Protein backbone atom coordinates (compact mmCIF):
# COMPACT_ATOMS: atom_id res chain seq x y z
CA MET A 1 -11.98 -1.34 14.50
CA SER A 2 -12.72 2.35 14.26
CA GLY A 3 -9.85 4.82 13.92
CA GLY A 4 -6.66 4.95 15.86
CA SER A 5 -4.88 1.94 14.47
CA TYR A 6 -1.72 4.06 14.63
CA ASP A 7 -2.81 6.07 17.70
CA TYR A 8 -3.85 9.02 15.50
CA LEU A 9 -0.24 9.59 14.47
CA TYR A 10 -1.26 12.09 11.81
CA SER A 11 -2.52 14.46 14.53
CA LYS A 12 0.64 14.45 16.66
CA GLU A 13 3.05 17.36 16.61
CA PRO A 14 6.60 16.35 15.66
CA PHE A 15 8.05 18.14 18.70
CA GLU A 16 5.73 17.89 21.68
CA ASP A 17 8.43 18.75 24.22
CA TYR A 18 7.43 22.39 24.49
CA GLY A 19 9.38 24.48 26.95
CA ILE A 20 12.75 22.86 26.39
CA ASN A 21 14.06 25.67 24.19
CA SER A 22 13.14 28.31 26.75
CA GLN A 23 14.90 26.25 29.43
CA LEU A 24 17.95 25.99 27.19
CA GLN A 25 17.86 29.75 26.66
CA SER A 26 17.73 30.33 30.43
CA MET A 27 20.63 27.95 31.01
CA GLU A 28 22.61 29.59 28.23
CA SER A 29 22.02 33.03 29.74
CA GLU A 30 23.02 31.90 33.23
CA MET A 31 26.18 30.19 31.99
CA ARG A 32 27.11 33.31 30.04
CA SER A 33 26.57 35.49 33.13
CA LYS A 34 28.87 33.20 35.14
CA GLY A 35 31.67 33.48 32.58
CA TYR A 36 31.12 30.27 30.62
CA GLY A 37 30.62 31.96 27.25
CA GLU A 38 32.14 29.17 25.17
CA ILE A 39 29.71 26.60 26.53
CA ALA A 40 26.84 29.11 26.32
CA ASP A 41 27.70 29.59 22.64
CA GLU A 42 27.35 25.83 22.09
CA LEU A 43 24.01 25.81 23.91
CA TYR A 44 22.89 28.67 21.68
CA LYS A 45 23.85 26.71 18.54
CA TYR A 46 22.15 23.61 19.91
CA ARG A 47 18.95 25.56 20.64
CA LEU A 48 18.92 27.14 17.17
CA GLU A 49 19.44 23.74 15.56
CA ARG A 50 16.49 22.35 17.54
CA GLU A 51 14.31 25.25 16.40
CA THR A 52 15.34 24.85 12.76
CA SER A 53 14.83 21.10 12.87
CA SER A 54 11.50 21.55 14.58
CA ALA A 55 10.27 23.95 11.90
CA HIS A 56 11.47 21.63 9.13
CA LEU A 57 9.76 18.64 10.73
CA ARG A 58 6.51 20.57 11.11
CA ILE A 59 6.54 21.39 7.39
CA MET A 60 7.19 17.74 6.53
CA HIS A 61 4.45 16.64 8.92
CA ARG A 62 1.91 19.00 7.32
CA ARG A 63 2.78 17.58 3.89
CA LEU A 64 2.32 13.99 5.11
CA GLU A 65 -0.62 14.54 7.46
CA ASN A 66 -3.41 13.75 4.97
CA VAL A 67 -1.63 10.65 3.64
CA MET A 68 -1.02 9.37 7.18
CA GLN A 69 -4.64 9.99 8.16
CA SER A 70 -5.99 8.29 5.05
CA PHE A 71 -3.76 5.27 5.60
CA GLU A 72 -4.70 5.02 9.26
CA TRP A 73 -8.41 5.22 8.44
CA TRP A 74 -7.99 2.62 5.69
CA GLU A 75 -6.16 0.29 8.08
CA SER A 76 -8.85 0.88 10.71
CA GLY A 77 -11.66 0.12 8.30
CA ASP A 78 -13.10 3.66 8.45
CA SER A 79 -12.46 4.34 4.77
CA GLY A 80 -11.18 2.49 1.75
CA LYS A 81 -8.15 2.27 -0.46
CA ASP A 82 -9.71 4.78 -2.86
CA ASN A 83 -9.48 7.54 -0.23
CA PHE A 84 -5.86 6.62 0.44
CA ASP A 85 -5.03 6.61 -3.28
CA ALA A 86 -6.65 10.06 -3.62
CA ALA A 87 -4.51 11.35 -0.73
CA VAL A 88 -1.38 9.89 -2.32
CA ASN A 89 -2.21 11.52 -5.67
CA LYS A 90 -2.80 14.87 -3.96
CA PHE A 91 0.53 14.50 -2.12
CA ILE A 92 2.39 13.70 -5.35
CA LYS A 93 0.87 16.68 -7.15
CA GLY A 94 1.87 18.91 -4.26
């Protein structure tokens, strides 16, 4: 089998639901304009938390990307354990 034994997981973005934060921002703005400031404040906090979590997950993903790719290619038969071990060593060394 060549590649893709994990559906190229290493190449996926952690948050592929683009557009949701802008929709939340629009909803928050509309609620605020209609006098629902308390709920709008919660939507604002929720949106900020999503953005912070998204950024944190992207950083984690970048750190793991090479290890995930090497493992997937090893499992698919495209490369060997030596390449995976090299990726692991590089990950550990930072």
